[in-house]
PDB file of N, CA and C in Angstrom:
ATOM      1  N   MET A   1      -3.401  17.461  -3.226  1.00  0.00           N
ATOM      2  CA  MET A   1      -2.398  16.034  -2.292  1.00  0.00           C
ATOM      3  C   MET A   1      -2.859  14.892  -2.118  1.00  0.00           C
ATOM      4  N   PRO A   2      -4.223  14.611  -2.357  1.00  0.00           N
ATOM      5  CA  PRO A   2      -4.897  13.319  -2.609  1.00  0.00           C
ATOM      6  C   PRO A   2      -4.001  12.675  -4.172  1.00  0.00           C
ATOM      7  N   ARG A   3      -3.749  13.511  -4.924  1.00  0.00           N
ATOM      8  CA  ARG A   3      -3.000  12.869  -6.323  1.00  0.00           C
ATOM      9  C   ARG A   3      -1.822  13.075  -6.388  1.00  0.00           C
ATOM     10  N   ALA A   4      -0.997  13.614  -5.726  1.00  0.00           N
ATOM     11  CA  ALA A   4       0.241  13.363  -4.735  1.00  0.00           C
ATOM     12  C   ALA A   4       1.023  12.615  -4.217  1.00  0.00           C
ATOM     13  N   THR A   5      -0.012  11.550  -3.624  1.00  0.00           N
ATOM     14  CA  THR A   5      -0.081  10.699  -2.755  1.00  0.00           C
ATOM     15  C   THR A   5      -0.505   9.641  -3.011  1.00  0.00           C
ATOM     16  N   GLY A   6      -1.390  10.077  -4.280  1.00  0.00           N
ATOM     17  CA  GLY A   6      -1.635   9.033  -5.184  1.00  0.00           C
ATOM     18  C   GLY A   6      -0.552   8.115  -6.330  1.00  0.00           C
ATOM     19  N   LEU A   7       0.451   9.459  -6.291  1.00  0.00           N
ATOM     20  CA  LEU A   7       1.531   8.961  -7.257  1.00  0.00           C
ATOM     21  C   LEU A   7       2.226   8.099  -6.454  1.00  0.00           C
ATOM     22  N   ILE A   8       2.787   8.023  -5.304  1.00  0.00           N
ATOM     23  CA  ILE A   8       3.895   8.120  -4.623  1.00  0.00           C
ATOM     24  C   ILE A   8       3.260   6.581  -4.168  1.00  0.00           C
ATOM     25  N   LEU A   9       2.003   6.324  -3.839  1.00  0.00           N
ATOM     26  CA  LEU A   9       1.577   4.781  -3.689  1.00  0.00           C
ATOM     27  C   LEU A   9       1.880   3.622  -5.062  1.00  0.00           C
ATOM     28  N   LEU A  10       1.170   4.763  -6.295  1.00  0.00           N
ATOM     29  CA  LEU A  10       1.150   4.051  -7.461  1.00  0.00           C
ATOM     30  C   LEU A  10       3.173   3.807  -7.408  1.00  0.00           C
ATOM     31  N   PHE A  11       3.898   4.488  -7.500  1.00  0.00           N
ATOM     32  CA  PHE A  11       5.683   4.565  -7.467  1.00  0.00           C
ATOM     33  C   PHE A  11       5.628   2.522  -6.581  1.00  0.00           C
ATOM     34  N   TYR A  12       5.187   2.898  -4.611  1.00  0.00           N
ATOM     35  CA  TYR A  12       5.408   1.894  -4.305  1.00  0.00           C
ATOM     36  C   TYR A  12       5.056   0.333  -4.802  1.00  0.00           C
ATOM     37  N   GLY A  13       3.884   0.637  -5.750  1.00  0.00           N
ATOM     38  CA  GLY A  13       3.612  -0.422  -5.994  1.00  0.00           C
ATOM     39  C   GLY A  13       4.121  -0.977  -7.234  1.00  0.00           C
ATOM     40  N   VAL A  14       4.640   0.018  -8.162  1.00  0.00           N
ATOM     41  CA  VAL A  14       5.932  -0.567  -9.154  1.00  0.00           C
ATOM     42  C   VAL A  14       7.170  -1.149  -8.644  1.00  0.00           C
ATOM     43  N   PHE A  15       7.483  -0.669  -7.395  1.00  0.00           N
ATOM     44  CA  PHE A  15       8.531  -1.073  -6.977  1.00  0.00           C
ATOM     45  C   PHE A  15       8.768  -2.091  -6.961  1.00  0.00           C
ATOM     46  N   HIS A  16       7.225  -2.826  -5.998  1.00  0.00           N
ATOM     47  CA  HIS A  16       6.309  -3.909  -5.684  1.00  0.00           C
ATOM     48  C   HIS A  16       6.490  -5.317  -6.617  1.00  0.00           C
ATOM     49  N   LEU A  17       6.052  -4.291  -7.775  1.00  0.00           N
ATOM     50  CA  LEU A  17       5.555  -5.517  -8.894  1.00  0.00           C
ATOM     51  C   LEU A  17       7.356  -5.827  -9.482  1.00  0.00           C
ATOM     52  N   ALA A  18       7.761  -4.804  -9.732  1.00  0.00           N
ATOM     53  CA  ALA A  18       9.312  -5.479 -10.242  1.00  0.00           C
ATOM     54  C   ALA A  18      10.110  -6.022  -9.106  1.00  0.00           C
ATOM     55  N   MET A  19       9.735  -6.285  -8.108  1.00  0.00           N
ATOM     56  CA  MET A  19      10.470  -7.437  -6.559  1.00  0.00           C
ATOM     57  C   MET A  19       9.724  -8.492  -6.772  1.00  0.00           C
ATOM     58  N   GLY A  20       8.610  -7.955  -7.610  1.00  0.00           N
ATOM     59  CA  GLY A  20       7.753  -9.866  -7.650  1.00  0.00           C
ATOM     60  C   GLY A  20       8.203 -10.260  -8.900  1.00  0.00           C
ATOM     61  N   LEU A  21       7.875  -9.678  -9.720  1.00  0.00           N
ATOM     62  CA  LEU A  21       8.667 -10.300 -10.879  1.00  0.00           C
ATOM     63  C   LEU A  21       9.895 -11.141 -11.417  1.00  0.00           C
ATOM     64  N   ALA A  22      10.776 -10.042 -10.543  1.00  0.00           N
ATOM     65  CA  ALA A  22      12.361 -10.624 -10.230  1.00  0.00           C
ATOM     66  C   ALA A  22      12.120 -12.031  -9.896  1.00  0.00           C
ATOM     67  N   GLN A  23      11.695 -11.840  -8.035  1.00  0.00           N
ATOM     68  CA  GLN A  23      11.631 -12.734  -7.596  1.00  0.00           C
ATOM     69  C   GLN A  23      10.419 -14.164  -7.435  1.00  0.00           C
ATOM     70  N   ARG A  24      10.011 -13.598  -8.309  1.00  0.00           N
ATOM     71  CA  ARG A  24       8.599 -14.629  -8.774  1.00  0.00           C
ATOM     72  C   ARG A  24       8.349 -15.008  -7.657  1.00  0.00           C
ATOM     73  N   GLU A  25       7.342 -14.065  -6.696  1.00  0.00           N
ATOM     74  CA  GLU A  25       6.625 -14.684  -5.187  1.00  0.00           C
ATOM     75  C   GLU A  25       4.888 -13.591  -5.409  1.00  0.00           C
ATOM     76  N   LEU A  26       3.998 -14.041  -4.923  1.00  0.00           N
ATOM     77  CA  LEU A  26       3.030 -14.156  -5.224  1.00  0.00           C
ATOM     78  C   LEU A  26       2.865 -12.440  -4.107  1.00  0.00           C
ATOM     79  N   PRO A  27       3.212 -12.776  -2.598  1.00  0.00           N
ATOM     80  CA  PRO A  27       2.543 -11.698  -2.221  1.00  0.00           C
ATOM     81  C   PRO A  27       2.998 -10.261  -2.528  1.00  0.00           C
ATOM     82  N   TRP A  28       4.672  -9.978  -3.546  1.00  0.00           N
ATOM     83  CA  TRP A  28       4.883  -8.858  -3.795  1.00  0.00           C
ATOM     84  C   TRP A  28       3.875  -8.430  -4.872  1.00  0.00           C
ATOM     85  N   LEU A  29       4.055  -9.167  -5.539  1.00  0.00           N
ATOM     86  CA  LEU A  29       2.519  -9.169  -6.656  1.00  0.00           C
ATOM     87  C   LEU A  29       1.109  -8.812  -5.931  1.00  0.00           C
ATOM     88  N   MET A  30       0.962  -9.447  -4.872  1.00  0.00           N
ATOM     89  CA  MET A  30      -0.311  -8.956  -4.347  1.00  0.00           C
ATOM     90  C   MET A  30      -0.080  -7.230  -4.318  1.00  0.00           C
ATOM     91  N   THR A  31       0.663  -7.208  -2.691  1.00  0.00           N
ATOM     92  CA  THR A  31       0.978  -5.888  -2.626  1.00  0.00           C
ATOM     93  C   THR A  31       0.833  -4.823  -3.306  1.00  0.00           C
ATOM     94  N   ALA A  32       1.681  -5.429  -4.549  1.00  0.00           N
ATOM     95  CA  ALA A  32       1.838  -4.528  -5.857  1.00  0.00           C
ATOM     96  C   ALA A  32       0.197  -3.745  -6.377  1.00  0.00           C
ATOM     97  N   ILE A  33      -0.292  -5.155  -6.651  1.00  0.00           N
ATOM     98  CA  ILE A  33      -1.726  -4.752  -6.786  1.00  0.00           C
ATOM     99  C   ILE A  33      -2.982  -4.009  -6.022  1.00  0.00           C
ATOM    100  N   LEU A  34      -2.492  -4.039  -4.957  1.00  0.00           N
ATOM    101  CA  LEU A  34      -3.131  -3.385  -4.215  1.00  0.00           C
ATOM    102  C   LEU A  34      -3.082  -2.145  -3.934  1.00  0.00           C
ATOM    103  N   LEU A  35      -1.866  -2.009  -3.282  1.00  0.00           N
ATOM    104  CA  LEU A  35      -0.803  -0.191  -3.650  1.00  0.00           C
ATOM    105  C   LEU A  35      -1.219   0.536  -4.746  1.00  0.00           C
ATOM    106  N   GLY A  36      -1.834  -0.261  -6.228  1.00  0.00           N
ATOM    107  CA  GLY A  36      -2.002   0.244  -6.938  1.00  0.00           C
ATOM    108  C   GLY A  36      -3.773   0.502  -6.940  1.00  0.00           C
ATOM    109  N   ILE A  37      -4.559  -0.314  -6.040  1.00  0.00           N
ATOM    110  CA  ILE A  37      -5.682  -0.140  -6.480  1.00  0.00           C
ATOM    111  C   ILE A  37      -5.532   1.137  -5.353  1.00  0.00           C
ATOM    112  N   GLY A  38      -4.925   1.522  -3.856  1.00  0.00           N
ATOM    113  CA  GLY A  38      -4.902   2.412  -3.398  1.00  0.00           C
ATOM    114  C   GLY A  38      -4.824   4.309  -4.087  1.00  0.00           C
ATOM    115  N   GLY A  39      -3.838   3.938  -4.843  1.00  0.00           N
ATOM    116  CA  GLY A  39      -3.142   4.750  -5.620  1.00  0.00           C
ATOM    117  C   GLY A  39      -4.600   5.474  -6.936  1.00  0.00           C
ATOM    118  N   ALA A  40      -4.348   4.491  -7.567  1.00  0.00           N
ATOM    119  CA  ALA A  40      -5.724   4.967  -8.433  1.00  0.00           C
ATOM    120  C   ALA A  40      -6.804   5.349  -7.026  1.00  0.00           C
ATOM    121  N   ALA A  41      -7.273   5.147  -6.105  1.00  0.00           N
ATOM    122  CA  ALA A  41      -8.403   5.823  -6.017  1.00  0.00           C
ATOM    123  C   ALA A  41      -7.911   7.400  -5.059  1.00  0.00           C
ATOM    124  N   LEU A  42      -7.069   7.406  -4.823  1.00  0.00           N
ATOM    125  CA  LEU A  42      -6.326   9.096  -4.583  1.00  0.00           C
ATOM    126  C   LEU A  42      -6.094   9.551  -5.486  1.00  0.00           C
ATOM    127  N   LEU A  43      -6.032   8.798  -6.952  1.00  0.00           N
ATOM    128  CA  LEU A  43      -5.893  10.057  -7.751  1.00  0.00           C
ATOM    129  C   LEU A  43      -7.125  10.172  -8.774  1.00  0.00           C
ATOM    130  N   LEU A  44      -8.399   9.047  -8.738  1.00  0.00           N
ATOM    131  CA  LEU A  44      -9.754   9.346  -9.049  1.00  0.00           C
ATOM    132  C   LEU A  44     -10.357  10.065  -8.103  1.00  0.00           C
ATOM    133  N   VAL A  45      -9.963  10.102  -6.558  1.00  0.00           N
ATOM    134  CA  VAL A  45     -10.958  11.609  -5.717  1.00  0.00           C
ATOM    135  C   VAL A  45     -12.337  11.303  -5.964  1.00  0.00           C
ATOM    136  N   ARG A  46     -12.912  10.056  -5.393  1.00  0.00           N
ATOM    137  CA  ARG A  46     -14.427  10.072  -5.008  1.00  0.00           C
ATOM    138  C   ARG A  46     -14.368  10.119  -3.917  1.00  0.00           C
ATOM    139  N   PRO A  47     -15.807  10.085  -3.379  1.00  0.00           N
ATOM    140  CA  PRO A  47     -16.334   9.655  -1.977  1.00  0.00           C
ATOM    141  C   PRO A  47     -16.414   8.781  -1.890  1.00  0.00           C
ATOM    142  N   TRP A  48     -16.426   7.616  -2.445  1.00  0.00           N
ATOM    143  CA  TRP A  48     -15.708   6.181  -2.177  1.00  0.00           C
ATOM    144  C   TRP A  48     -13.885   5.628  -1.690  1.00  0.00           C
ATOM    145  N   SER A  49     -13.267   6.770  -2.477  1.00  0.00           N
ATOM    146  CA  SER A  49     -11.842   6.817  -2.226  1.00  0.00           C
ATOM    147  C   SER A  49     -11.290   6.215  -1.340  1.00  0.00           C
ATOM    148  N   ARG A  50     -11.835   7.033  -0.219  1.00  0.00           N
ATOM    149  CA  ARG A  50     -11.402   6.819   1.517  1.00  0.00           C
ATOM    150  C   ARG A  50     -11.301   5.649   1.596  1.00  0.00           C
ATOM    151  N   THR A  51     -12.484   4.900   1.555  1.00  0.00           N
ATOM    152  CA  THR A  51     -12.246   2.879   2.097  1.00  0.00           C
ATOM    153  C   THR A  51     -11.557   2.629   1.101  1.00  0.00           C
ATOM    154  N   MET A  52     -11.501   2.838   0.164  1.00  0.00           N
ATOM    155  CA  MET A  52     -10.849   1.849  -0.896  1.00  0.00           C
ATOM    156  C   MET A  52      -9.141   2.396  -0.566  1.00  0.00           C
ATOM    157  N   VAL A  53      -9.257   3.451  -0.031  1.00  0.00           N
ATOM    158  CA  VAL A  53      -7.330   3.473   0.158  1.00  0.00           C
ATOM    159  C   VAL A  53      -7.256   3.059   1.402  1.00  0.00           C
ATOM    160  N   TYR A  54      -8.267   2.576   2.892  1.00  0.00           N
ATOM    161  CA  TYR A  54      -7.947   2.436   3.604  1.00  0.00           C
ATOM    162  C   TYR A  54      -7.484   0.957   3.534  1.00  0.00           C
ATOM    163  N   ALA A  55      -8.649  -0.147   2.939  1.00  0.00           N
ATOM    164  CA  ALA A  55      -8.760  -1.081   2.682  1.00  0.00           C
ATOM    165  C   ALA A  55      -7.550  -1.436   2.445  1.00  0.00           C
ATOM    166  N   ALA A  56      -7.099  -1.278   1.147  1.00  0.00           N
ATOM    167  CA  ALA A  56      -6.053  -1.732  -0.073  1.00  0.00           C
ATOM    168  C   ALA A  56      -5.070  -1.423   1.012  1.00  0.00           C
ATOM    169  N   ALA A  57      -4.930  -0.569   1.352  1.00  0.00           N
ATOM    170  CA  ALA A  57      -2.992  -0.146   2.320  1.00  0.00           C
ATOM    171  C   ALA A  57      -3.778  -0.962   3.972  1.00  0.00           C
ATOM    172  N   LEU A  58      -4.521  -1.320   4.375  1.00  0.00           N
ATOM    173  CA  LEU A  58      -4.611  -2.158   5.530  1.00  0.00           C
ATOM    174  C   LEU A  58      -4.229  -3.534   4.793  1.00  0.00           C
ATOM    175  N   ALA A  59      -4.968  -3.684   3.693  1.00  0.00           N
ATOM    176  CA  ALA A  59      -4.693  -5.639   3.198  1.00  0.00           C
ATOM    177  C   ALA A  59      -3.129  -5.078   2.471  1.00  0.00           C
ATOM    178  N   ALA A  60      -2.642  -4.767   1.792  1.00  0.00           N
ATOM    179  CA  ALA A  60      -1.572  -4.558   1.738  1.00  0.00           C
ATOM    180  C   ALA A  60      -0.246  -5.158   2.917  1.00  0.00           C
ATOM    181  N   ALA A  61      -0.999  -4.316   3.980  1.00  0.00           N
ATOM    182  CA  ALA A  61       0.300  -3.882   5.113  1.00  0.00           C
ATOM    183  C   ALA A  61       0.145  -5.964   5.418  1.00  0.00           C
ATOM    184  N   ALA A  62      -1.322  -6.247   5.919  1.00  0.00           N
ATOM    185  CA  ALA A  62      -0.891  -8.047   6.044  1.00  0.00           C
ATOM    186  C   ALA A  62      -0.473  -8.819   5.387  1.00  0.00           C
ATOM    187  N   VAL A  63      -0.601  -8.342   4.087  1.00  0.00           N
ATOM    188  CA  VAL A  63       0.170  -9.850   2.864  1.00  0.00           C
ATOM    189  C   VAL A  63       1.821  -9.630   3.270  1.00  0.00           C
ATOM    190  N   GLY A  64       2.284  -8.278   3.532  1.00  0.00           N
ATOM    191  CA  GLY A  64       3.438  -8.486   3.441  1.00  0.00           C
ATOM    192  C   GLY A  64       3.576  -8.793   4.958  1.00  0.00           C
ATOM    193  N   LEU A  65       3.016  -8.432   6.077  1.00  0.00           N
ATOM    194  CA  LEU A  65       3.934  -9.355   7.122  1.00  0.00           C
ATOM    195  C   LEU A  65       4.091 -10.343   6.904  1.00  0.00           C
ATOM    196  N   ILE A  66       2.229 -11.041   6.106  1.00  0.00           N
ATOM    197  CA  ILE A  66       2.548 -12.670   6.382  1.00  0.00           C
ATOM    198  C   ILE A  66       4.195 -13.356   5.330  1.00  0.00           C
ATOM    199  N   SER A  67       4.055 -12.590   4.674  1.00  0.00           N
ATOM    200  CA  SER A  67       4.801 -12.431   3.556  1.00  0.00           C
ATOM    201  C   SER A  67       6.398 -11.920   4.229  1.00  0.00           C
ATOM    202  N   GLN A  68       6.404 -11.258   4.839  1.00  0.00           N
ATOM    203  CA  GLN A  68       7.919 -11.390   5.935  1.00  0.00           C
ATOM    204  C   GLN A  68       8.056 -11.888   6.505  1.00  0.00           C
ATOM    205  N   VAL A  69       6.802 -12.553   7.550  1.00  0.00           N
ATOM    206  CA  VAL A  69       7.681 -13.845   8.403  1.00  0.00           C
ATOM    207  C   VAL A  69       7.827 -15.345   8.026  1.00  0.00           C
ATOM    208  N   SER A  70       7.299 -15.651   6.663  1.00  0.00           N
ATOM    209  CA  SER A  70       7.566 -16.562   5.864  1.00  0.00           C
ATOM    210  C   SER A  70       8.631 -16.607   5.089  1.00  0.00           C
ATOM    211  N   ALA A  71       9.160 -15.488   4.870  1.00  0.00           N
ATOM    212  CA  ALA A  71      10.186 -15.765   4.213  1.00  0.00           C
ATOM    213  C   ALA A  71      11.526 -15.667   5.288  1.00  0.00           C
ATOM    214  N   ALA A  72      11.215 -14.823   6.929  1.00  0.00           N
ATOM    215  CA  ALA A  72      11.972 -14.773   7.657  1.00  0.00           C
ATOM    216  C   ALA A  72      12.452 -16.422   7.993  1.00  0.00           C
ATOM    217  N   ALA A  73      11.146 -17.080   8.295  1.00  0.00           N
ATOM    218  CA  ALA A  73      11.126 -18.114   8.673  1.00  0.00           C
ATOM    219  C   ALA A  73      12.317 -19.365   7.985  1.00  0.00           C
ATOM    220  N   GLY A  74      11.794 -18.778   6.547  1.00  0.00           N
ATOM    221  CA  GLY A  74      12.499 -19.785   5.791  1.00  0.00           C
ATOM    222  C   GLY A  74      14.074 -19.508   5.237  1.00  0.00           C
ATOM    223  N   ALA A  75      14.233 -18.970   5.893  1.00  0.00           N
ATOM    224  CA  ALA A  75      15.699 -18.372   5.557  1.00  0.00           C
ATOM    225  C   ALA A  75      16.768 -18.384   6.909  1.00  0.00           C
ATOM    226  N   GLY A  76      15.644 -18.452   8.084  1.00  0.00           N
ATOM    227  CA  GLY A  76      16.560 -18.617   9.550  1.00  0.00           C
ATOM    228  C   GLY A  76      16.841 -17.711   9.836  1.00  0.00           C
ATOM    229  N   VAL A  77      16.496 -16.701   9.806  1.00  0.00           N
ATOM    230  CA  VAL A  77      16.461 -14.987  10.116  1.00  0.00           C
ATOM    231  C   VAL A  77      15.289 -14.944  11.045  1.00  0.00           C
ATOM    232  N   ASP A  78      16.127 -14.176  11.994  1.00  0.00           N
ATOM    233  CA  ASP A  78      14.945 -13.631  13.379  1.00  0.00           C
ATOM    234  C   ASP A  78      13.818 -12.882  13.069  1.00  0.00           C
ATOM    235  N   ILE A  79      12.759 -13.866  13.365  1.00  0.00           N
ATOM    236  CA  ILE A  79      11.248 -13.266  13.258  1.00  0.00           C
ATOM    237  C   ILE A  79      11.180 -11.679  13.577  1.00  0.00           C
ATOM    238  N   PRO A  80      11.665 -11.830  14.611  1.00  0.00           N
ATOM    239  CA  PRO A  80      11.405 -10.232  15.361  1.00  0.00           C
ATOM    240  C   PRO A  80      12.218  -9.169  14.696  1.00  0.00           C
ATOM    241  N   LEU A  81      13.001  -9.364  14.348  1.00  0.00           N
ATOM    242  CA  LEU A  81      13.795  -8.217  13.503  1.00  0.00           C
ATOM    243  C   LEU A  81      13.191  -8.054  11.743  1.00  0.00           C
ATOM    244  N   ALA A  82      12.882  -9.632  11.285  1.00  0.00           N
ATOM    245  CA  ALA A  82      11.685  -9.193   9.969  1.00  0.00           C
ATOM    246  C   ALA A  82      10.774  -8.326  10.809  1.00  0.00           C
ATOM    247  N   ILE A  83       9.992  -8.391  11.546  1.00  0.00           N
ATOM    248  CA  ILE A  83       8.489  -7.841  11.784  1.00  0.00           C
ATOM    249  C   ILE A  83       8.988  -6.120  12.105  1.00  0.00           C
ATOM    250  N   VAL A  84      10.508  -5.888  13.160  1.00  0.00           N
ATOM    251  CA  VAL A  84      10.613  -4.817  12.712  1.00  0.00           C
ATOM    252  C   VAL A  84      11.302  -4.326  11.426  1.00  0.00           C
ATOM    253  N   ILE A  85      11.502  -4.277  10.522  1.00  0.00           N
ATOM    254  CA  ILE A  85      11.983  -4.008   9.167  1.00  0.00           C
ATOM    255  C   ILE A  85      10.236  -3.757   8.261  1.00  0.00           C
ATOM    256  N   TRP A  86       9.884  -5.334   8.156  1.00  0.00           N
ATOM    257  CA  TRP A  86       8.594  -4.885   7.825  1.00  0.00           C
ATOM    258  C   TRP A  86       7.720  -3.191   8.474  1.00  0.00           C
ATOM    259  N   ALA A  87       7.528  -3.230   9.331  1.00  0.00           N
ATOM    260  CA  ALA A  87       7.101  -2.166  10.297  1.00  0.00           C
ATOM    261  C   ALA A  87       7.788  -1.143   9.463  1.00  0.00           C
ATOM    262  N   LEU A  88       8.983  -0.628   9.327  1.00  0.00           N
ATOM    263  CA  LEU A  88       8.993   0.261   8.895  1.00  0.00           C
ATOM    264  C   LEU A  88       9.081   0.721   7.603  1.00  0.00           C
ATOM    265  N   TRP A  89       9.524  -0.356   6.314  1.00  0.00           N
ATOM    266  CA  TRP A  89       9.223  -0.265   5.476  1.00  0.00           C
ATOM    267  C   TRP A  89       7.589   0.333   4.962  1.00  0.00           C
ATOM    268  N   THR A  90       6.596  -0.772   5.865  1.00  0.00           N
ATOM    269  CA  THR A  90       5.360  -0.403   5.720  1.00  0.00           C
ATOM    270  C   THR A  90       4.822   1.208   6.248  1.00  0.00           C
ATOM    271  N   SER A  91       5.549   0.987   7.260  1.00  0.00           N
ATOM    272  CA  SER A  91       4.793   2.898   7.662  1.00  0.00           C
ATOM    273  C   SER A  91       4.999   3.620   6.548  1.00  0.00           C
ATOM    274  N   LEU A  92       5.755   3.565   5.821  1.00  0.00           N
ATOM    275  CA  LEU A  92       6.254   4.979   5.225  1.00  0.00           C
ATOM    276  C   LEU A  92       5.324   4.317   3.981  1.00  0.00           C
ATOM    277  N   TRP A  93       4.138   4.013   3.284  1.00  0.00           N
ATOM    278  CA  TRP A  93       3.264   3.709   2.284  1.00  0.00           C
ATOM    279  C   TRP A  93       2.368   3.857   3.328  1.00  0.00           C
ATOM    280  N   LEU A  94       2.108   3.872   4.485  1.00  0.00           N
ATOM    281  CA  LEU A  94       1.170   3.689   4.689  1.00  0.00           C
ATOM    282  C   LEU A  94       0.630   4.764   5.570  1.00  0.00           C
ATOM    283  N   ALA A  95       1.802   5.828   6.033  1.00  0.00           N
ATOM    284  CA  ALA A  95       1.622   7.353   6.113  1.00  0.00           C
ATOM    285  C   ALA A  95       1.855   7.863   5.020  1.00  0.00           C
ATOM    286  N   VAL A  96       1.537   7.855   3.819  1.00  0.00           N
ATOM    287  CA  VAL A  96       1.512   8.345   2.624  1.00  0.00           C
ATOM    288  C   VAL A  96      -0.474   8.376   2.466  1.00  0.00           C
ATOM    289  N   ALA A  97      -0.504   6.801   2.393  1.00  0.00           N
ATOM    290  CA  ALA A  97      -2.336   6.566   2.258  1.00  0.00           C
ATOM    291  C   ALA A  97      -2.861   7.307   3.419  1.00  0.00           C
ATOM    292  N   TYR A  98      -2.487   8.057   4.467  1.00  0.00           N
ATOM    293  CA  TYR A  98      -2.895   8.750   5.399  1.00  0.00           C
ATOM    294  C   TYR A  98      -3.005   9.948   5.571  1.00  0.00           C
ATOM    295  N   VAL A  99      -1.709  10.738   4.776  1.00  0.00           N
ATOM    296  CA  VAL A  99      -1.897  11.772   4.286  1.00  0.00           C
ATOM    297  C   VAL A  99      -2.974  12.171   3.332  1.00  0.00           C
ATOM    298  N   GLY A 100      -3.283  11.289   2.465  1.00  0.00           N
ATOM    299  CA  GLY A 100      -3.986  11.234   1.002  1.00  0.00           C
ATOM    300  C   GLY A 100      -5.293  11.297   1.348  1.00  0.00           C
ATOM    301  N   VAL A 101      -5.752  10.427   2.201  1.00  0.00           N
ATOM    302  CA  VAL A 101      -7.160  10.280   2.499  1.00  0.00           C
ATOM    303  C   VAL A 101      -7.495  11.655   3.527  1.00  0.00           C
ATOM    304  N   ARG A 102      -6.568  11.891   4.012  1.00  0.00           N
ATOM    305  CA  ARG A 102      -7.285  13.141   4.914  1.00  0.00           C
ATOM    306  C   ARG A 102      -7.594  14.219   3.909  1.00  0.00           C
ATOM    307  N   TYR A 103      -7.267  14.762   2.867  1.00  0.00           N
ATOM    308  CA  TYR A 103      -7.731  15.433   1.782  1.00  0.00           C
ATOM    309  C   TYR A 103      -8.478  15.168   1.148  1.00  0.00           C
ATOM    310  N   LEU A 104      -9.141  13.904   1.303  1.00  0.00           N
ATOM    311  CA  LEU A 104     -10.278  13.258  -0.138  1.00  0.00           C
ATOM    312  C   LEU A 104     -11.830  13.837   0.663  1.00  0.00           C
ATOM    313  N   PRO A 105     -12.347  13.874   0.052  1.00  0.00           N
ATOM    314  CA  PRO A 105     -14.121  14.247   0.335  1.00  0.00           C
ATOM    315  C   PRO A 105     -14.521  12.826   1.562  1.00  0.00           C
ATOM    316  N   ASP A 106     -15.399  13.318   2.131  1.00  0.00           N
ATOM    317  CA  ASP A 106     -15.461  12.307   3.024  1.00  0.00           C
ATOM    318  C   ASP A 106     -17.264  11.886   3.068  1.00  0.00           C
ATOM    319  N   GLY A 107     -17.672  11.848   1.222  1.00  0.00           N
ATOM    320  CA  GLY A 107     -19.131  11.317   0.661  1.00  0.00           C
ATOM    321  C   GLY A 107     -20.185  12.429   1.123  1.00  0.00           C
ATOM    322  N   ARG A 108     -20.026  13.150   2.012  1.00  0.00           N
ATOM    323  CA  ARG A 108     -21.369  13.774   1.987  1.00  0.00           C
ATOM    324  C   ARG A 108     -21.209  15.583   1.595  1.00  0.00           C
ATOM    325  N   THR A 109     -19.995  15.503   0.611  1.00  0.00           N
ATOM    326  CA  THR A 109     -19.164  16.820  -0.114  1.00  0.00           C
ATOM    327  C   THR A 109     -19.246  16.211  -1.485  1.00  0.00           C
ATOM    328  N   ALA A 110     -19.818  17.249  -2.495  1.00  0.00           N
ATOM    329  CA  ALA A 110     -19.666  17.240  -3.850  1.00  0.00           C
ATOM    330  C   ALA A 110     -18.213  16.577  -4.081  1.00  0.00           C
ATOM    331  N   PRO A 111     -18.066  15.606  -4.930  1.00  0.00           N
ATOM    332  CA  PRO A 111     -16.357  15.427  -5.334  1.00  0.00           C
ATOM    333  C   PRO A 111     -15.831  16.355  -6.201  1.00  0.00           C
ATOM    334  N   GLU A 112     -14.444  16.382  -6.067  1.00  0.00           N
ATOM    335  CA  GLU A 112     -13.405  17.592  -6.525  1.00  0.00           C
ATOM    336  C   GLU A 112     -13.714  17.145  -8.058  1.00  0.00           C
ATOM    337  N   PRO A 113     -13.659  18.430  -9.020  1.00  0.00           N
ATOM    338  CA  PRO A 113     -13.970  17.616 -10.368  1.00  0.00           C
ATOM    339  C   PRO A 113     -12.330  17.093 -10.837  1.00  0.00           C
ATOM    340  N   LEU A 114     -12.377  16.288 -12.109  1.00  0.00           N
ATOM    341  CA  LEU A 114     -10.900  15.946 -12.647  1.00  0.00           C
ATOM    342  C   LEU A 114     -10.308  17.205 -13.879  1.00  0.00           C
TER     343      LEU A 114
END
């Protein structure tokens, strides 16, 4: 399960990378890197992976929110609506990260072999 969710996070990261390169926006690239870190941590399945996935997912969510509000303000779009859209999109990969983390070792047990 961690490896499957890690791949999904990597796919989300690739999407963010493509959007960041197409639109030349740093926040998209930052979230792509953070999602990539979280996905890689899930693929590696190490005791420290749980903390890394949580930190990367929350940081990517924060960067995404700041970017979404900034873009909405710049475009004259309703900011509460932009936040709702961000919440819906972000909840998808936060849920994927949470599901993957539930199956990771907690640091007290031996890591699963590669």
